[in-house]
N, C-alpha and C. Protein backbone atom coordinates (compact mmCIF):
# COMPACT_ATOMS: atom_id res chain seq x y z
N MET A 1 -45.82 63.07 -75.71
CA MET A 1 -45.82 62.27 -74.47
C MET A 1 -44.38 62.15 -73.97
N SER A 2 -44.19 62.28 -72.69
CA SER A 2 -42.83 62.18 -72.15
C SER A 2 -42.43 60.72 -72.04
N ARG A 3 -41.17 60.46 -72.18
CA ARG A 3 -40.60 59.12 -72.03
C ARG A 3 -39.91 59.07 -70.69
N HIS A 4 -40.41 58.18 -69.86
CA HIS A 4 -39.96 58.13 -68.46
C HIS A 4 -38.76 57.18 -68.35
N GLU A 5 -37.70 57.64 -67.73
CA GLU A 5 -36.52 56.81 -67.48
C GLU A 5 -36.24 56.73 -65.99
N HIS A 6 -35.72 55.58 -65.58
CA HIS A 6 -35.40 55.33 -64.18
C HIS A 6 -33.90 55.09 -64.13
N VAL A 7 -33.13 56.06 -63.62
CA VAL A 7 -31.67 55.93 -63.63
C VAL A 7 -31.14 55.97 -62.20
N PHE A 8 -29.95 55.42 -62.05
CA PHE A 8 -29.27 55.43 -60.75
C PHE A 8 -27.90 56.07 -60.92
N LEU A 9 -27.61 57.04 -60.06
CA LEU A 9 -26.34 57.74 -60.10
C LEU A 9 -25.52 57.39 -58.87
N ASP A 10 -24.20 57.54 -58.99
CA ASP A 10 -23.34 57.41 -57.82
C ASP A 10 -23.30 58.75 -57.09
N GLY A 11 -23.84 58.77 -55.87
CA GLY A 11 -23.84 59.99 -55.07
C GLY A 11 -22.76 59.96 -54.01
N PRO A 12 -22.68 61.00 -53.20
CA PRO A 12 -21.65 61.08 -52.15
C PRO A 12 -21.73 59.94 -51.15
N ASP A 13 -22.94 59.43 -50.88
CA ASP A 13 -23.12 58.37 -49.88
C ASP A 13 -23.86 57.18 -50.46
N GLY A 14 -23.62 56.88 -51.73
CA GLY A 14 -24.28 55.73 -52.33
C GLY A 14 -25.15 56.13 -53.51
N ARG A 15 -26.01 55.23 -53.85
CA ARG A 15 -26.82 55.35 -55.06
C ARG A 15 -27.91 56.42 -54.91
N ILE A 16 -28.14 57.17 -55.99
CA ILE A 16 -29.25 58.12 -56.04
C ILE A 16 -30.18 57.71 -57.17
N GLU A 17 -31.44 57.50 -56.83
CA GLU A 17 -32.46 57.17 -57.81
C GLU A 17 -33.02 58.46 -58.42
N VAL A 18 -33.12 58.50 -59.74
CA VAL A 18 -33.63 59.69 -60.41
C VAL A 18 -34.62 59.27 -61.50
N PHE A 19 -35.76 59.93 -61.54
CA PHE A 19 -36.73 59.75 -62.62
C PHE A 19 -36.49 60.86 -63.64
N VAL A 20 -36.09 60.47 -64.83
CA VAL A 20 -35.72 61.43 -65.87
C VAL A 20 -36.75 61.39 -66.99
N GLU A 21 -37.20 62.57 -67.39
CA GLU A 21 -38.10 62.67 -68.54
C GLU A 21 -37.49 63.63 -69.54
N PRO A 22 -36.75 63.08 -70.53
CA PRO A 22 -36.18 63.95 -71.56
C PRO A 22 -37.31 64.57 -72.37
N HIS A 23 -37.11 65.77 -72.84
CA HIS A 23 -38.13 66.39 -73.68
C HIS A 23 -38.14 65.71 -75.03
N ALA A 24 -39.33 65.62 -75.65
CA ALA A 24 -39.45 64.93 -76.93
C ALA A 24 -38.55 65.55 -77.99
N ALA A 25 -38.52 66.86 -78.05
CA ALA A 25 -37.63 67.55 -78.97
C ALA A 25 -36.33 67.87 -78.24
N GLU A 26 -35.51 68.69 -78.83
CA GLU A 26 -34.31 69.14 -78.12
C GLU A 26 -34.76 70.02 -76.96
N PRO A 27 -34.35 69.72 -75.73
CA PRO A 27 -34.82 70.55 -74.61
C PRO A 27 -34.24 71.96 -74.67
N THR A 28 -35.04 72.91 -74.18
CA THR A 28 -34.57 74.30 -74.10
C THR A 28 -34.05 74.62 -72.70
N GLY A 29 -34.18 73.66 -71.78
CA GLY A 29 -33.71 73.86 -70.41
C GLY A 29 -33.74 72.55 -69.66
N ILE A 30 -33.18 72.58 -68.46
CA ILE A 30 -33.13 71.43 -67.57
C ILE A 30 -33.83 71.84 -66.27
N ALA A 31 -34.77 71.03 -65.82
CA ALA A 31 -35.47 71.32 -64.56
C ALA A 31 -35.21 70.20 -63.56
N LEU A 32 -34.68 70.58 -62.42
CA LEU A 32 -34.40 69.65 -61.33
C LEU A 32 -35.44 69.91 -60.24
N ILE A 33 -36.21 68.86 -59.88
CA ILE A 33 -37.39 69.05 -59.03
C ILE A 33 -37.27 68.17 -57.79
N ALA A 34 -37.37 68.79 -56.60
CA ALA A 34 -37.13 68.10 -55.34
C ALA A 34 -38.44 67.85 -54.58
N HIS A 35 -38.54 66.67 -53.99
CA HIS A 35 -39.80 66.24 -53.37
C HIS A 35 -39.88 66.56 -51.87
N PRO A 36 -41.07 66.35 -51.26
CA PRO A 36 -41.26 66.70 -49.85
C PRO A 36 -40.49 65.78 -48.88
N HIS A 37 -40.70 66.02 -47.60
CA HIS A 37 -39.91 65.42 -46.54
C HIS A 37 -39.94 63.88 -46.56
N PRO A 38 -38.76 63.25 -46.62
CA PRO A 38 -38.69 61.79 -46.70
C PRO A 38 -39.27 61.08 -45.49
N LEU A 39 -39.17 61.69 -44.32
CA LEU A 39 -39.64 61.02 -43.11
C LEU A 39 -41.16 61.14 -42.92
N PHE A 40 -41.80 61.89 -43.81
CA PHE A 40 -43.26 62.07 -43.71
C PHE A 40 -43.93 61.67 -45.02
N GLY A 41 -43.36 60.67 -45.69
CA GLY A 41 -44.00 60.10 -46.87
C GLY A 41 -43.68 60.79 -48.17
N GLY A 42 -42.74 61.72 -48.19
CA GLY A 42 -42.43 62.43 -49.42
C GLY A 42 -41.69 61.55 -50.42
N THR A 43 -42.16 61.57 -51.67
CA THR A 43 -41.51 60.80 -52.74
C THR A 43 -41.49 61.63 -54.02
N ALA A 44 -40.71 61.14 -54.98
CA ALA A 44 -40.61 61.81 -56.28
C ALA A 44 -41.90 61.68 -57.09
N ASP A 45 -42.81 60.81 -56.66
CA ASP A 45 -44.09 60.66 -57.35
C ASP A 45 -45.20 61.49 -56.72
N ASN A 46 -44.85 62.31 -55.73
CA ASN A 46 -45.83 63.21 -55.12
C ASN A 46 -46.54 64.02 -56.21
N LYS A 47 -47.82 64.26 -56.04
CA LYS A 47 -48.60 64.90 -57.11
C LYS A 47 -48.17 66.33 -57.39
N VAL A 48 -47.72 67.06 -56.36
CA VAL A 48 -47.22 68.41 -56.62
C VAL A 48 -45.92 68.34 -57.42
N VAL A 49 -45.07 67.38 -57.10
CA VAL A 49 -43.80 67.21 -57.81
C VAL A 49 -44.04 66.85 -59.28
N THR A 50 -44.95 65.91 -59.53
CA THR A 50 -45.22 65.54 -60.92
C THR A 50 -45.94 66.66 -61.67
N THR A 51 -46.72 67.47 -60.94
CA THR A 51 -47.34 68.64 -61.56
C THR A 51 -46.27 69.65 -61.98
N LEU A 52 -45.29 69.87 -61.12
CA LEU A 52 -44.18 70.76 -61.46
C LEU A 52 -43.42 70.23 -62.67
N ALA A 53 -43.17 68.93 -62.69
CA ALA A 53 -42.46 68.34 -63.82
C ALA A 53 -43.23 68.54 -65.13
N LYS A 54 -44.53 68.36 -65.06
CA LYS A 54 -45.34 68.54 -66.27
C LYS A 54 -45.29 69.99 -66.74
N ALA A 55 -45.36 70.93 -65.80
CA ALA A 55 -45.29 72.35 -66.16
C ALA A 55 -43.97 72.67 -66.85
N PHE A 56 -42.88 72.12 -66.35
CA PHE A 56 -41.58 72.38 -66.96
C PHE A 56 -41.45 71.70 -68.32
N ARG A 57 -42.02 70.52 -68.49
CA ARG A 57 -41.98 69.89 -69.81
C ARG A 57 -42.76 70.72 -70.83
N GLU A 58 -43.87 71.30 -70.35
CA GLU A 58 -44.65 72.17 -71.25
C GLU A 58 -43.86 73.42 -71.64
N LEU A 59 -42.88 73.79 -70.81
CA LEU A 59 -42.01 74.93 -71.11
C LEU A 59 -40.79 74.51 -71.92
N GLY A 60 -40.71 73.21 -72.27
CA GLY A 60 -39.64 72.74 -73.14
C GLY A 60 -38.45 72.13 -72.43
N CYS A 61 -38.59 71.82 -71.15
CA CYS A 61 -37.45 71.32 -70.37
C CYS A 61 -37.42 69.80 -70.27
N ALA A 62 -36.20 69.28 -70.18
CA ALA A 62 -36.00 67.93 -69.67
C ALA A 62 -36.14 68.02 -68.15
N THR A 63 -36.78 67.03 -67.52
CA THR A 63 -37.01 67.10 -66.08
C THR A 63 -36.35 65.92 -65.37
N LEU A 64 -35.86 66.20 -64.17
CA LEU A 64 -35.24 65.18 -63.32
C LEU A 64 -35.86 65.27 -61.94
N ARG A 65 -36.38 64.13 -61.45
CA ARG A 65 -37.00 64.06 -60.13
C ARG A 65 -36.24 63.04 -59.28
N PRO A 66 -35.23 63.48 -58.53
CA PRO A 66 -34.48 62.53 -57.70
C PRO A 66 -35.25 62.13 -56.45
N SER A 67 -34.97 60.91 -55.99
CA SER A 67 -35.46 60.48 -54.68
C SER A 67 -34.41 60.86 -53.64
N PHE A 68 -34.84 61.55 -52.59
CA PHE A 68 -33.91 61.89 -51.53
C PHE A 68 -33.41 60.62 -50.84
N ARG A 69 -32.25 60.71 -50.21
CA ARG A 69 -31.62 59.57 -49.52
C ARG A 69 -32.62 58.90 -48.58
N GLY A 70 -32.63 57.56 -48.68
CA GLY A 70 -33.55 56.78 -47.84
C GLY A 70 -34.93 56.60 -48.44
N VAL A 71 -35.16 57.16 -49.62
CA VAL A 71 -36.47 57.03 -50.28
C VAL A 71 -36.28 56.21 -51.56
N GLY A 72 -37.21 55.27 -51.79
CA GLY A 72 -37.16 54.48 -53.02
C GLY A 72 -35.83 53.75 -53.15
N GLY A 73 -35.17 53.94 -54.29
CA GLY A 73 -33.90 53.27 -54.53
C GLY A 73 -32.68 54.07 -54.13
N SER A 74 -32.88 55.19 -53.45
CA SER A 74 -31.74 56.03 -53.04
C SER A 74 -31.19 55.57 -51.70
N GLU A 75 -29.86 55.47 -51.63
CA GLU A 75 -29.19 55.04 -50.41
C GLU A 75 -28.82 56.24 -49.54
N GLY A 76 -28.34 55.93 -48.32
CA GLY A 76 -27.95 56.99 -47.40
C GLY A 76 -29.04 57.28 -46.38
N GLU A 77 -28.71 58.08 -45.39
CA GLU A 77 -29.65 58.41 -44.32
C GLU A 77 -30.04 59.88 -44.38
N HIS A 78 -31.26 60.15 -43.99
CA HIS A 78 -31.78 61.52 -43.98
C HIS A 78 -30.86 62.44 -43.19
N ASP A 79 -30.59 63.64 -43.74
CA ASP A 79 -29.62 64.55 -43.11
C ASP A 79 -30.14 65.98 -43.02
N HIS A 80 -31.47 66.13 -42.93
CA HIS A 80 -32.08 67.44 -42.68
C HIS A 80 -31.73 68.48 -43.76
N GLY A 81 -31.43 68.01 -44.95
CA GLY A 81 -31.18 68.94 -46.06
C GLY A 81 -29.72 69.21 -46.35
N ILE A 82 -28.83 68.81 -45.45
CA ILE A 82 -27.40 69.14 -45.62
C ILE A 82 -26.77 68.22 -46.66
N ALA A 83 -26.74 66.90 -46.38
CA ALA A 83 -26.22 65.95 -47.37
C ALA A 83 -27.12 65.90 -48.60
N GLU A 84 -28.41 66.16 -48.42
CA GLU A 84 -29.33 66.17 -49.56
C GLU A 84 -28.92 67.21 -50.60
N THR A 85 -28.38 68.32 -50.12
CA THR A 85 -27.90 69.36 -51.05
C THR A 85 -26.76 68.81 -51.90
N GLU A 86 -25.86 68.06 -51.28
CA GLU A 86 -24.74 67.46 -52.02
C GLU A 86 -25.26 66.43 -53.02
N ASP A 87 -26.28 65.68 -52.63
CA ASP A 87 -26.88 64.71 -53.55
C ASP A 87 -27.44 65.42 -54.79
N LEU A 88 -28.13 66.54 -54.57
CA LEU A 88 -28.70 67.27 -55.70
C LEU A 88 -27.60 67.85 -56.58
N LEU A 89 -26.47 68.20 -55.99
CA LEU A 89 -25.33 68.65 -56.80
C LEU A 89 -24.87 67.54 -57.75
N ALA A 90 -24.88 66.30 -57.26
CA ALA A 90 -24.51 65.16 -58.11
C ALA A 90 -25.52 64.98 -59.24
N VAL A 91 -26.80 65.17 -58.95
CA VAL A 91 -27.83 65.07 -59.99
C VAL A 91 -27.66 66.20 -61.00
N HIS A 92 -27.36 67.38 -60.50
CA HIS A 92 -27.11 68.54 -61.38
C HIS A 92 -25.95 68.24 -62.32
N ALA A 93 -24.87 67.67 -61.80
CA ALA A 93 -23.71 67.34 -62.63
C ALA A 93 -24.07 66.32 -63.70
N TYR A 94 -24.87 65.32 -63.32
CA TYR A 94 -25.34 64.33 -64.30
C TYR A 94 -26.17 65.00 -65.40
N ALA A 95 -27.07 65.89 -65.00
CA ALA A 95 -27.94 66.57 -65.97
C ALA A 95 -27.11 67.42 -66.93
N ARG A 96 -26.13 68.13 -66.39
CA ARG A 96 -25.24 68.94 -67.22
C ARG A 96 -24.50 68.06 -68.24
N GLY A 97 -23.98 66.93 -67.76
CA GLY A 97 -23.25 66.03 -68.64
C GLY A 97 -24.11 65.41 -69.72
N ARG A 98 -25.36 65.15 -69.38
CA ARG A 98 -26.24 64.49 -70.34
C ARG A 98 -26.91 65.45 -71.32
N PHE A 99 -27.40 66.57 -70.79
CA PHE A 99 -28.23 67.46 -71.62
C PHE A 99 -27.48 68.69 -72.12
N GLY A 100 -26.30 68.95 -71.58
CA GLY A 100 -25.52 70.06 -72.12
C GLY A 100 -25.13 71.09 -71.08
N ALA A 101 -23.92 71.61 -71.24
CA ALA A 101 -23.39 72.59 -70.29
C ALA A 101 -23.94 73.97 -70.50
N SER A 102 -24.57 74.21 -71.66
CA SER A 102 -25.02 75.57 -71.98
C SER A 102 -26.50 75.81 -71.70
N LEU A 103 -27.26 74.74 -71.48
CA LEU A 103 -28.70 74.92 -71.24
C LEU A 103 -28.94 75.58 -69.88
N PRO A 104 -29.97 76.43 -69.79
CA PRO A 104 -30.33 76.98 -68.48
C PRO A 104 -30.86 75.87 -67.57
N VAL A 105 -30.52 75.97 -66.29
CA VAL A 105 -31.02 75.01 -65.31
C VAL A 105 -32.02 75.73 -64.41
N TYR A 106 -33.18 75.12 -64.26
CA TYR A 106 -34.22 75.64 -63.38
C TYR A 106 -34.36 74.69 -62.20
N LEU A 107 -34.59 75.25 -61.03
CA LEU A 107 -34.75 74.45 -59.81
C LEU A 107 -36.17 74.63 -59.28
N ALA A 108 -36.77 73.52 -58.90
CA ALA A 108 -38.12 73.59 -58.32
C ALA A 108 -38.18 72.63 -57.14
N GLY A 109 -39.00 72.96 -56.17
CA GLY A 109 -39.14 72.08 -55.03
C GLY A 109 -40.46 72.30 -54.32
N PHE A 110 -40.89 71.26 -53.63
CA PHE A 110 -42.12 71.32 -52.86
C PHE A 110 -41.80 70.99 -51.40
N SER A 111 -42.21 71.88 -50.49
CA SER A 111 -42.09 71.68 -49.05
C SER A 111 -40.62 71.55 -48.64
N PHE A 112 -40.22 70.43 -48.04
CA PHE A 112 -38.81 70.20 -47.70
C PHE A 112 -37.94 70.32 -48.95
N GLY A 113 -38.44 69.85 -50.08
CA GLY A 113 -37.69 69.95 -51.34
C GLY A 113 -37.42 71.39 -51.74
N ALA A 114 -38.36 72.28 -51.46
CA ALA A 114 -38.14 73.70 -51.77
C ALA A 114 -37.02 74.26 -50.90
N TYR A 115 -37.01 73.87 -49.63
CA TYR A 115 -35.93 74.30 -48.72
C TYR A 115 -34.57 73.83 -49.24
N VAL A 116 -34.47 72.56 -49.64
CA VAL A 116 -33.20 72.03 -50.13
C VAL A 116 -32.78 72.73 -51.41
N VAL A 117 -33.75 73.04 -52.27
CA VAL A 117 -33.45 73.73 -53.53
C VAL A 117 -32.85 75.12 -53.28
N THR A 118 -33.31 75.81 -52.22
CA THR A 118 -32.71 77.13 -51.92
C THR A 118 -31.25 76.97 -51.52
N ARG A 119 -30.94 75.87 -50.84
CA ARG A 119 -29.54 75.58 -50.49
C ARG A 119 -28.72 75.26 -51.73
N LEU A 120 -29.30 74.45 -52.61
CA LEU A 120 -28.62 74.09 -53.86
C LEU A 120 -28.34 75.33 -54.70
N ALA A 121 -29.29 76.24 -54.74
CA ALA A 121 -29.12 77.46 -55.54
C ALA A 121 -27.90 78.25 -55.07
N LEU A 122 -27.69 78.32 -53.76
CA LEU A 122 -26.51 79.02 -53.23
C LEU A 122 -25.23 78.31 -53.64
N ARG A 123 -25.23 76.98 -53.60
CA ARG A 123 -24.04 76.23 -54.00
C ARG A 123 -23.72 76.45 -55.47
N LEU A 124 -24.74 76.50 -56.30
CA LEU A 124 -24.51 76.69 -57.73
C LEU A 124 -23.96 78.08 -58.03
N VAL A 125 -24.38 79.07 -57.25
CA VAL A 125 -23.80 80.42 -57.39
C VAL A 125 -22.31 80.37 -57.05
N GLU A 126 -21.99 79.65 -55.96
CA GLU A 126 -20.58 79.51 -55.56
C GLU A 126 -19.76 78.83 -56.65
N LEU A 127 -20.38 77.92 -57.39
CA LEU A 127 -19.69 77.18 -58.45
C LEU A 127 -19.74 77.90 -59.80
N SER A 128 -20.22 79.15 -59.79
CA SER A 128 -20.31 79.98 -61.00
C SER A 128 -21.18 79.34 -62.08
N ASP A 129 -22.20 78.61 -61.66
CA ASP A 129 -23.17 78.02 -62.59
C ASP A 129 -24.58 78.22 -62.02
N PRO A 130 -24.97 79.49 -61.81
CA PRO A 130 -26.24 79.74 -61.12
C PRO A 130 -27.44 79.23 -61.89
N ALA A 131 -28.45 78.81 -61.13
CA ALA A 131 -29.72 78.42 -61.76
C ALA A 131 -30.34 79.65 -62.42
N ARG A 132 -31.05 79.42 -63.51
CA ARG A 132 -31.71 80.52 -64.21
C ARG A 132 -32.91 81.03 -63.42
N ARG A 133 -33.65 80.10 -62.80
CA ARG A 133 -34.84 80.52 -62.07
C ARG A 133 -35.29 79.43 -61.12
N LEU A 134 -35.97 79.84 -60.04
CA LEU A 134 -36.48 78.89 -59.05
C LEU A 134 -38.01 78.96 -58.99
N VAL A 135 -38.61 77.81 -58.72
CA VAL A 135 -40.04 77.72 -58.43
C VAL A 135 -40.18 76.96 -57.10
N LEU A 136 -40.75 77.63 -56.09
CA LEU A 136 -40.87 77.04 -54.76
C LEU A 136 -42.35 76.95 -54.38
N VAL A 137 -42.78 75.75 -54.00
CA VAL A 137 -44.18 75.51 -53.65
C VAL A 137 -44.26 74.96 -52.23
N GLY A 138 -45.12 75.56 -51.41
CA GLY A 138 -45.29 75.08 -50.03
C GLY A 138 -43.96 75.07 -49.28
N THR A 139 -43.18 76.13 -49.44
CA THR A 139 -41.79 76.17 -48.98
C THR A 139 -41.67 75.98 -47.47
N ALA A 140 -40.86 75.00 -47.06
CA ALA A 140 -40.58 74.82 -45.64
C ALA A 140 -39.76 76.00 -45.14
N SER A 141 -40.32 76.71 -44.17
CA SER A 141 -39.65 77.90 -43.64
C SER A 141 -40.12 78.15 -42.22
N GLY A 142 -39.21 78.64 -41.38
CA GLY A 142 -39.58 78.93 -40.01
C GLY A 142 -39.77 77.66 -39.19
N PHE A 143 -40.45 77.78 -38.06
CA PHE A 143 -40.68 76.63 -37.18
C PHE A 143 -41.87 75.84 -37.67
N ILE A 144 -41.65 74.54 -37.87
CA ILE A 144 -42.72 73.65 -38.32
C ILE A 144 -42.93 72.59 -37.25
N GLU A 145 -44.12 72.49 -36.75
CA GLU A 145 -44.43 71.61 -35.64
C GLU A 145 -44.05 70.17 -35.95
N GLY A 146 -43.34 69.53 -35.03
CA GLY A 146 -42.95 68.14 -35.21
C GLY A 146 -41.68 67.96 -36.03
N LEU A 147 -41.20 69.02 -36.63
CA LEU A 147 -39.99 68.92 -37.45
C LEU A 147 -38.88 69.72 -36.83
N ARG A 148 -38.65 70.94 -37.31
CA ARG A 148 -37.56 71.73 -36.79
C ARG A 148 -37.67 73.15 -37.33
N GLN A 149 -36.67 73.93 -37.03
CA GLN A 149 -36.62 75.30 -37.54
C GLN A 149 -35.90 75.30 -38.89
N TYR A 150 -36.55 75.86 -39.90
CA TYR A 150 -35.93 75.96 -41.22
C TYR A 150 -35.46 77.39 -41.45
N GLU A 151 -34.15 77.53 -41.59
CA GLU A 151 -33.58 78.84 -41.92
C GLU A 151 -33.43 78.88 -43.44
N THR A 152 -34.50 79.23 -44.11
CA THR A 152 -34.54 79.15 -45.57
C THR A 152 -33.73 80.29 -46.18
N ALA A 153 -32.93 79.94 -47.17
CA ALA A 153 -32.00 80.91 -47.77
C ALA A 153 -32.74 81.97 -48.58
N ALA A 154 -32.05 83.08 -48.79
CA ALA A 154 -32.55 84.11 -49.70
C ALA A 154 -32.52 83.58 -51.13
N VAL A 155 -33.43 84.05 -51.96
CA VAL A 155 -33.51 83.62 -53.35
C VAL A 155 -33.64 84.84 -54.26
N PRO A 156 -33.38 84.67 -55.56
CA PRO A 156 -33.49 85.81 -56.48
C PRO A 156 -34.91 86.38 -56.55
N ALA A 157 -34.99 87.63 -56.96
CA ALA A 157 -36.26 88.35 -56.96
C ALA A 157 -37.28 87.78 -57.93
N ASP A 158 -36.82 87.06 -58.98
CA ASP A 158 -37.79 86.53 -59.95
C ASP A 158 -38.24 85.11 -59.60
N THR A 159 -37.90 84.64 -58.40
CA THR A 159 -38.35 83.32 -57.95
C THR A 159 -39.88 83.29 -57.86
N ILE A 160 -40.46 82.21 -58.37
CA ILE A 160 -41.91 82.02 -58.27
C ILE A 160 -42.19 81.26 -56.98
N VAL A 161 -42.90 81.90 -56.06
CA VAL A 161 -43.22 81.30 -54.76
C VAL A 161 -44.73 81.13 -54.69
N ILE A 162 -45.17 79.89 -54.48
CA ILE A 162 -46.60 79.57 -54.45
C ILE A 162 -46.91 78.91 -53.11
N HIS A 163 -47.98 79.34 -52.48
CA HIS A 163 -48.33 78.78 -51.17
C HIS A 163 -49.84 78.70 -51.02
N GLY A 164 -50.29 77.71 -50.27
CA GLY A 164 -51.72 77.57 -50.00
C GLY A 164 -52.15 78.41 -48.81
N ALA A 165 -53.28 79.09 -48.95
CA ALA A 165 -53.77 79.93 -47.85
C ALA A 165 -54.10 79.11 -46.62
N GLN A 166 -54.52 77.85 -46.83
CA GLN A 166 -54.92 77.00 -45.71
C GLN A 166 -53.89 75.92 -45.44
N ASP A 167 -52.62 76.20 -45.71
CA ASP A 167 -51.55 75.22 -45.48
C ASP A 167 -51.46 74.91 -43.99
N GLU A 168 -51.68 73.64 -43.64
CA GLU A 168 -51.68 73.23 -42.24
C GLU A 168 -50.31 72.72 -41.80
N THR A 169 -49.39 72.53 -42.75
CA THR A 169 -48.05 72.03 -42.44
C THR A 169 -47.06 73.17 -42.29
N VAL A 170 -47.01 74.03 -43.29
CA VAL A 170 -46.17 75.23 -43.23
C VAL A 170 -47.11 76.44 -43.24
N PRO A 171 -47.34 77.06 -42.09
CA PRO A 171 -48.26 78.19 -42.05
C PRO A 171 -47.85 79.28 -43.04
N LEU A 172 -48.83 79.87 -43.69
CA LEU A 172 -48.57 80.94 -44.65
C LEU A 172 -47.74 82.06 -44.00
N ALA A 173 -48.00 82.33 -42.72
CA ALA A 173 -47.27 83.39 -42.03
C ALA A 173 -45.76 83.14 -42.02
N ASN A 174 -45.36 81.86 -41.96
CA ASN A 174 -43.93 81.53 -41.99
C ASN A 174 -43.28 81.99 -43.29
N VAL A 175 -43.97 81.70 -44.39
CA VAL A 175 -43.41 82.02 -45.70
C VAL A 175 -43.44 83.53 -45.93
N LEU A 176 -44.48 84.20 -45.47
CA LEU A 176 -44.53 85.65 -45.61
C LEU A 176 -43.42 86.32 -44.80
N ALA A 177 -43.12 85.77 -43.62
CA ALA A 177 -42.05 86.32 -42.79
C ALA A 177 -40.69 86.15 -43.46
N TRP A 178 -40.51 85.04 -44.17
CA TRP A 178 -39.26 84.80 -44.91
C TRP A 178 -39.17 85.72 -46.12
N ALA A 179 -40.29 85.89 -46.82
CA ALA A 179 -40.29 86.63 -48.07
C ALA A 179 -40.22 88.15 -47.86
N GLU A 180 -40.75 88.64 -46.74
CA GLU A 180 -40.87 90.09 -46.55
C GLU A 180 -39.54 90.83 -46.62
N PRO A 181 -38.49 90.42 -45.90
CA PRO A 181 -37.23 91.16 -46.00
C PRO A 181 -36.56 91.02 -47.36
N LEU A 182 -36.98 90.04 -48.15
CA LEU A 182 -36.42 89.83 -49.49
C LEU A 182 -37.19 90.62 -50.55
N ASP A 183 -38.27 91.31 -50.14
CA ASP A 183 -39.18 91.96 -51.10
C ASP A 183 -39.63 90.96 -52.17
N LEU A 184 -39.96 89.76 -51.72
CA LEU A 184 -40.27 88.66 -52.63
C LEU A 184 -41.78 88.42 -52.66
N PRO A 185 -42.41 88.57 -53.82
CA PRO A 185 -43.84 88.30 -53.89
C PRO A 185 -44.16 86.82 -53.65
N VAL A 186 -45.29 86.57 -53.02
CA VAL A 186 -45.77 85.20 -52.80
C VAL A 186 -47.16 85.10 -53.42
N THR A 187 -47.35 84.12 -54.28
CA THR A 187 -48.66 83.89 -54.87
C THR A 187 -49.42 82.91 -53.98
N VAL A 188 -50.52 83.38 -53.42
CA VAL A 188 -51.30 82.59 -52.47
C VAL A 188 -52.55 82.04 -53.17
N ILE A 189 -52.75 80.73 -53.05
CA ILE A 189 -53.93 80.09 -53.63
C ILE A 189 -54.99 79.96 -52.54
N PRO A 190 -56.09 80.71 -52.63
CA PRO A 190 -57.12 80.65 -51.60
C PRO A 190 -57.68 79.24 -51.45
N GLY A 191 -57.85 78.83 -50.20
CA GLY A 191 -58.47 77.53 -49.93
C GLY A 191 -57.56 76.34 -50.09
N ALA A 192 -56.33 76.54 -50.58
CA ALA A 192 -55.44 75.40 -50.83
C ALA A 192 -54.76 74.96 -49.55
N ASP A 193 -54.71 73.63 -49.35
CA ASP A 193 -53.96 73.08 -48.22
C ASP A 193 -52.52 72.82 -48.65
N HIS A 194 -51.75 72.15 -47.81
CA HIS A 194 -50.33 71.95 -48.11
C HIS A 194 -50.12 71.15 -49.39
N PHE A 195 -51.04 70.21 -49.65
CA PHE A 195 -50.87 69.32 -50.80
C PHE A 195 -51.67 69.76 -52.03
N PHE A 196 -52.32 70.92 -51.92
CA PHE A 196 -53.02 71.54 -53.06
C PHE A 196 -54.06 70.59 -53.67
N HIS A 197 -54.77 69.89 -52.80
CA HIS A 197 -55.83 68.99 -53.28
C HIS A 197 -56.84 69.78 -54.13
N ARG A 198 -57.12 69.24 -55.29
CA ARG A 198 -58.07 69.81 -56.26
C ARG A 198 -57.62 71.18 -56.79
N ARG A 199 -56.39 71.55 -56.53
CA ARG A 199 -55.91 72.85 -57.02
C ARG A 199 -54.55 72.74 -57.72
N LEU A 200 -54.17 71.51 -58.08
CA LEU A 200 -52.88 71.30 -58.74
C LEU A 200 -52.80 72.06 -60.06
N HIS A 201 -53.93 72.12 -60.78
CA HIS A 201 -53.92 72.79 -62.08
C HIS A 201 -53.59 74.28 -61.94
N ILE A 202 -53.92 74.85 -60.77
CA ILE A 202 -53.63 76.28 -60.56
C ILE A 202 -52.13 76.51 -60.48
N ILE A 203 -51.39 75.54 -59.91
CA ILE A 203 -49.93 75.66 -59.85
C ILE A 203 -49.36 75.80 -61.27
N ARG A 204 -49.81 74.94 -62.17
CA ARG A 204 -49.33 75.01 -63.56
C ARG A 204 -49.69 76.34 -64.19
N ASP A 205 -50.91 76.80 -63.95
CA ASP A 205 -51.35 78.07 -64.54
C ASP A 205 -50.49 79.23 -64.04
N ILE A 206 -50.19 79.24 -62.74
CA ILE A 206 -49.39 80.33 -62.16
C ILE A 206 -48.00 80.34 -62.78
N ILE A 207 -47.38 79.17 -62.88
CA ILE A 207 -46.03 79.10 -63.46
C ILE A 207 -46.03 79.62 -64.89
N GLN A 208 -47.00 79.17 -65.68
CA GLN A 208 -47.03 79.59 -67.09
C GLN A 208 -47.30 81.08 -67.23
N ARG A 209 -48.14 81.63 -66.37
CA ARG A 209 -48.42 83.07 -66.46
C ARG A 209 -47.22 83.91 -66.03
N GLN A 210 -46.55 83.47 -64.96
CA GLN A 210 -45.44 84.25 -64.42
C GLN A 210 -44.14 84.04 -65.18
N TRP A 211 -44.03 82.94 -65.92
CA TRP A 211 -42.78 82.57 -66.54
C TRP A 211 -42.28 83.63 -67.52
N HIS A 212 -43.21 84.16 -68.29
CA HIS A 212 -42.83 85.10 -69.35
C HIS A 212 -42.99 86.56 -68.93
N SER A 213 -43.22 86.76 -67.62
CA SER A 213 -43.44 88.13 -67.16
C SER A 213 -42.14 88.82 -66.75
N HIS A 214 -41.02 88.07 -66.84
CA HIS A 214 -39.71 88.65 -66.48
C HIS A 214 -38.82 88.67 -67.70
């Protein structure tokens, strides 16, 4: 059983709330998991986010689920992913300090969180501490009605990308258009909406099957 901790970090613009679940044994990796859009009800307790955390704990990782600025106990104002990337860098630094500088770091995100994670991945490459692997679910990409245009960054070829065929928030076509020039496979779950209602278990199954295929 995971032991849930509620910690607060000093971020660039105030406090960052993070839900930390250390692995029962010595962790074999660190997983940083980002939640959906703060202005549309996204929180670190989102069911897709907690499903991702469970999948990573099953793979032996300590997991960290930060609340984006303006959500829960996190301070600061929403910044469309720009300042949020800096906040995640602060969480990454905390994780490194707590769990070890040598452990592989995995990044995962859902929706807006997936978009921010692609930005974080680029920053970590610049800092010569690249993430070992990314898992992106319901990735915000392209024009999304009521929100804005997401210019989602390129990601490594072994990134696990999962999307619902019936996603009403981020059309599947948006993600395919992003993935095509990258030669990036996308795993599509038939019948799944943006929140993967009644199909959360499939996300875990996909991650576990694809994890050891590289």
